[in-house]
Protein backbone atom coordinates (compact mmCIF):
# COMPACT_ATOMS: atom_id res chain seq x y z
CA MET A 1 65.94 -5.09 -156.73
CA ILE A 2 62.35 -4.69 -155.57
CA GLU A 3 59.80 -3.78 -158.19
CA ASN A 4 57.52 -0.79 -157.58
CA SER A 5 54.48 -3.04 -157.74
CA ASP A 6 55.87 -5.22 -154.91
CA VAL A 7 55.82 -2.37 -152.38
CA ASP A 8 52.59 -1.09 -150.83
CA THR A 9 51.80 2.54 -151.64
CA GLY A 10 51.28 3.24 -147.94
CA ASP A 11 54.75 1.88 -147.14
CA LYS A 12 56.31 4.13 -149.78
CA ALA A 13 54.45 7.15 -148.42
CA MET A 14 55.52 6.31 -144.85
CA ILE A 15 59.19 6.10 -145.87
CA ILE A 16 58.98 9.41 -147.71
CA LEU A 17 57.27 11.15 -144.77
CA GLN A 18 59.71 9.72 -142.22
CA SER A 19 62.64 10.79 -144.37
CA LEU A 20 61.18 14.27 -144.81
CA ILE A 21 60.59 14.71 -141.07
CA CYS A 22 64.12 13.53 -140.27
CA TYR A 23 65.58 15.82 -142.95
CA LEU A 24 63.66 18.85 -141.65
CA ARG A 25 64.76 18.02 -138.11
CA GLU A 26 68.38 17.61 -139.22
CA LYS A 27 68.31 21.03 -140.90
CA ASN A 28 66.72 22.57 -137.78
CA VAL A 29 63.57 23.53 -139.66
CA LEU A 30 61.67 21.43 -137.11
CA SER A 31 62.64 21.75 -133.47
CA ARG A 32 62.29 19.01 -130.89
CA ALA A 33 59.35 20.97 -129.49
CA ASP A 34 57.75 20.93 -132.97
CA MET A 35 58.18 17.16 -133.10
CA GLU A 36 56.52 16.80 -129.70
CA GLU A 37 53.64 19.03 -130.83
CA LEU A 38 53.20 16.95 -133.99
CA ARG A 39 53.25 13.74 -131.94
CA ASP A 40 50.59 15.14 -129.60
CA ARG A 41 48.40 16.14 -132.53
CA VAL A 42 48.63 12.65 -134.01
CA GLU A 43 47.78 11.13 -130.62
CA ALA A 44 44.84 13.52 -130.23
CA ARG A 45 43.41 12.15 -133.45
CA ILE A 46 42.94 8.75 -131.80
CA ALA A 47 40.12 10.06 -129.63
CA ALA A 48 38.52 11.90 -132.52
CA SER A 49 39.20 9.34 -135.26
CA GLU A 50 35.65 8.03 -135.38
CA THR A 51 34.16 11.44 -136.12
CA SER A 52 36.81 13.50 -137.88
CA LEU A 53 39.04 11.10 -139.80
CA PRO A 54 38.09 8.73 -142.59
CA CYS A 55 40.39 6.07 -141.08
CA GLY A 56 39.60 3.65 -138.30
CA GLN A 57 40.67 3.63 -134.66
CA ALA A 58 43.35 0.97 -135.24
CA ILE A 59 44.96 2.98 -138.05
CA ALA A 60 45.01 6.14 -135.94
CA ALA A 61 46.60 4.23 -133.03
CA ALA A 62 49.23 2.75 -135.36
CA ALA A 63 50.02 6.22 -136.71
CA ALA A 64 50.41 7.58 -133.17
CA SER A 65 52.74 4.72 -132.27
CA GLU A 66 54.82 5.35 -135.39
CA MET A 67 55.02 9.06 -134.57
CA ARG A 68 56.20 8.31 -131.02
CA GLU A 69 58.96 6.07 -132.41
CA LEU A 70 60.01 8.72 -134.93
CA ASP A 71 59.99 11.41 -132.23
CA ASP A 72 62.18 9.22 -130.00
CA PHE A 73 64.58 8.49 -132.86
CA CYS A 74 64.94 12.14 -133.86
CA GLY A 75 65.30 13.18 -130.22
CA LYS A 76 68.17 10.75 -129.69
CA LYS A 77 69.86 11.54 -132.99
CA TYR A 78 69.51 15.33 -133.13
CA GLY A 79 68.81 16.29 -129.51
CA GLY A 80 67.28 19.68 -128.83
CA LYS A 81 65.18 21.22 -126.14
CA HIS A 82 61.84 19.80 -125.14
CA ARG A 83 58.94 22.18 -125.28
CA ARG A 84 57.93 23.93 -122.13
CA ARG A 85 54.96 22.46 -120.36
CA VAL A 86 52.47 24.78 -118.72
CA ASN A 87 50.77 23.27 -115.70
């Protein structure tokens, strides 16, 4: 069994957040369109990370990549309609 001190706090938080997002998606509290909106918001932070976030550019890019993977996973597992795009 892994001791609590052997696991990075950030890793624990990531697992909890991923599990929460998947649970909310499973219960239809979050729609696929909501997931896409959340992904876009995370990706938008990359451009603004130097001025509005206390984290660095690399961390913001890693978070956006993680969100894309989670969005893809939830989309494949739970399906749902994509949000409507306005051109």
